[in-house]
Amino acid sequence: VQLQASGGGLVQAGDSLRLSCAASGRTDHYYGVGWFRQAPGKERELVAAINWSASITYYGDSVKGRFTISRDNAKNTVYLQMSSLKPEDTAVYYCAARISFSPDYVYTSGSDYRSWGRGTQVTVSS
């Protein structure tokens, strides 16, 4: 699965932004998707993850209640709706995918993922 993330930009604290992750290639298989982010000088962290059937979602503690992950398999696209953005959300955001044998798998570790897209920069000013 090949991935292309988009939708990043410069916003003010409290604003909302929606990121998109478009998949191509082996999209006829089940695949779980995760959004990760990495800020300068910090380790990469999992922001959110979703299984193929969208029945299971996972969120990092720092974004719970503010971010929502969703997907439209007909469009082979996964979204990350980000609300109430904070300056500490500033980072490069990446989407990643892992083909699975079941629509029910959700992956929560970066090492689980096999395909990574190029990142999109999100900058939140105070």
Protein backbone atom coordinates (compact mmCIF):
# COMPACT_ATOMS: atom_id res chain seq x y z
CA VAL A 1 0.00 0.00 0.00
CA GLN A 2 1.32 3.42 -0.96
CA LEU A 3 0.23 6.43 1.06
CA GLN A 4 0.00 10.17 0.49
CA ALA A 5 -0.76 12.48 3.39
CA SER A 6 -2.12 15.97 2.86
CA GLY A 7 -3.98 18.77 4.60
CA GLY A 8 -1.32 20.21 6.85
CA GLY A 9 -0.82 23.91 7.32
CA LEU A 10 -0.38 26.84 9.66
CA VAL A 11 -3.27 27.49 12.05
CA GLN A 12 -3.87 29.29 15.31
CA ALA A 13 -4.43 27.69 18.67
CA GLY A 14 -8.01 26.55 19.01
CA ASP A 15 -8.50 26.05 15.29
CA SER A 16 -9.37 22.83 13.51
CA LEU A 17 -7.68 21.05 10.65
CA ARG A 18 -8.38 17.83 8.75
CA LEU A 19 -5.62 15.64 7.41
CA SER A 20 -6.18 13.09 4.67
CA CYS A 21 -4.25 9.95 3.87
CA ALA A 22 -4.90 8.57 0.40
CA ALA A 23 -3.96 4.94 -0.20
CA SER A 24 -3.16 3.23 -3.47
CA GLY A 25 -1.80 -0.11 -4.54
CA ARG A 26 -2.99 -3.15 -2.59
CA THR A 27 -6.15 -1.49 -1.35
CA ASP A 28 -8.17 -4.62 -2.14
CA HIS A 29 -6.70 -6.11 1.04
CA TYR A 30 -7.67 -5.35 4.59
CA TYR A 31 -5.29 -2.78 6.07
CA GLY A 32 -5.09 -0.90 9.32
CA VAL A 33 -3.94 2.73 9.32
CA GLY A 34 -2.23 4.86 11.90
CA TRP A 35 -1.41 8.54 12.16
CA PHE A 36 1.88 9.41 13.79
CA ARG A 37 3.62 12.68 14.47
CA GLN A 38 7.13 13.80 15.19
CA ALA A 39 8.15 17.18 16.52
CA PRO A 40 11.73 18.47 16.34
CA GLY A 41 13.85 16.85 19.00
CA LYS A 42 11.11 14.47 20.06
CA GLU A 43 10.36 10.85 19.40
CA ARG A 44 7.70 9.79 16.97
CA GLU A 45 4.39 9.14 18.69
CA LEU A 46 1.20 7.42 17.68
CA VAL A 47 -1.66 9.88 17.39
CA ALA A 48 -4.50 7.61 16.31
CA ALA A 49 -5.14 4.30 14.65
CA ILE A 50 -8.09 2.59 13.01
CA ASN A 51 -8.87 -0.87 11.74
CA TRP A 52 -10.14 -1.61 8.24
CA SER A 53 -13.80 -1.83 9.20
CA ALA A 54 -13.56 1.35 11.30
CA SER A 55 -15.07 -0.51 14.23
CA ILE A 56 -11.98 0.00 16.43
CA THR A 57 -10.09 3.22 17.00
CA TYR A 58 -7.19 4.08 19.26
CA TYR A 59 -5.95 7.50 20.39
CA GLY A 60 -2.86 8.75 22.11
CA ASP A 61 -3.52 10.30 25.49
CA SER A 62 -2.49 13.76 24.35
CA VAL A 63 -5.17 13.94 21.66
CA LYS A 64 -8.09 12.06 23.19
CA GLY A 65 -11.28 14.08 22.96
CA ARG A 66 -9.78 16.48 20.41
CA PHE A 67 -8.84 14.33 17.40
CA THR A 68 -11.01 11.88 15.47
CA ILE A 69 -9.79 9.26 13.03
CA SER A 70 -12.13 7.93 10.36
CA ARG A 71 -11.96 6.25 6.99
CA ASP A 72 -13.84 5.94 3.73
CA ASN A 73 -12.82 2.67 2.14
CA ALA A 74 -14.70 3.49 -1.05
CA LYS A 75 -12.28 6.39 -1.47
CA ASN A 76 -9.29 4.55 0.02
CA THR A 77 -8.81 7.50 2.33
CA VAL A 78 -8.29 7.85 6.06
CA TYR A 79 -8.91 11.16 7.80
CA LEU A 80 -7.65 12.78 10.96
CA GLN A 81 -9.94 15.53 12.17
CA MET A 82 -8.05 17.72 14.60
CA SER A 83 -9.90 20.18 16.80
CA SER A 84 -8.91 22.53 19.62
CA LEU A 85 -5.38 22.53 18.31
CA LYS A 86 -2.57 23.50 20.65
CA PRO A 87 0.95 24.72 19.94
CA GLU A 88 2.23 21.39 21.26
CA ASP A 89 0.43 19.67 18.38
CA THR A 90 2.99 21.21 16.03
CA ALA A 91 4.77 18.38 14.23
CA VAL A 92 5.16 16.54 10.98
CA TYR A 93 2.26 14.13 10.69
CA TYR A 94 2.66 10.80 8.93
CA CYS A 95 0.18 8.10 8.01
CA ALA A 96 1.15 4.46 7.92
CA ALA A 97 -0.56 1.23 6.87
CA ARG A 98 -0.29 -2.45 7.58
CA ILE A 99 -2.08 -5.11 5.56
CA SER A 100 -3.94 -7.51 7.82
CA PHE A 101 -5.74 -10.84 7.48
CA SER A 102 -8.78 -9.54 9.27
CA PRO A 103 -10.79 -6.31 9.15
CA ASP A 104 -10.59 -6.19 12.94
CA TYR A 105 -6.87 -5.59 13.50
CA VAL A 106 -5.73 -2.21 14.77
CA TYR A 107 -2.03 -1.57 15.15
CA THR A 108 -0.71 0.73 17.85
CA SER A 109 3.06 0.48 17.47
CA GLY A 110 5.15 2.11 14.80
CA SER A 111 7.04 -1.13 14.32
CA ASP A 112 3.80 -2.83 13.29
CA TYR A 113 3.48 -0.74 10.16
CA ARG A 114 5.06 -1.62 6.83
CA SER A 115 4.07 1.30 4.60
CA TRP A 116 4.67 4.96 5.38
CA GLY A 117 3.68 8.09 3.54
CA ARG A 118 5.55 11.35 3.38
CA GLY A 119 4.66 13.65 6.19
CA THR A 120 2.60 16.80 6.20
CA GLN A 121 3.57 19.71 8.42
CA VAL A 122 1.13 21.02 10.98
CA THR A 123 2.08 24.22 12.75
CA VAL A 124 -0.08 25.69 15.49
CA SER A 125 0.71 29.23 16.56
CA SER A 126 -0.19 30.55 19.99
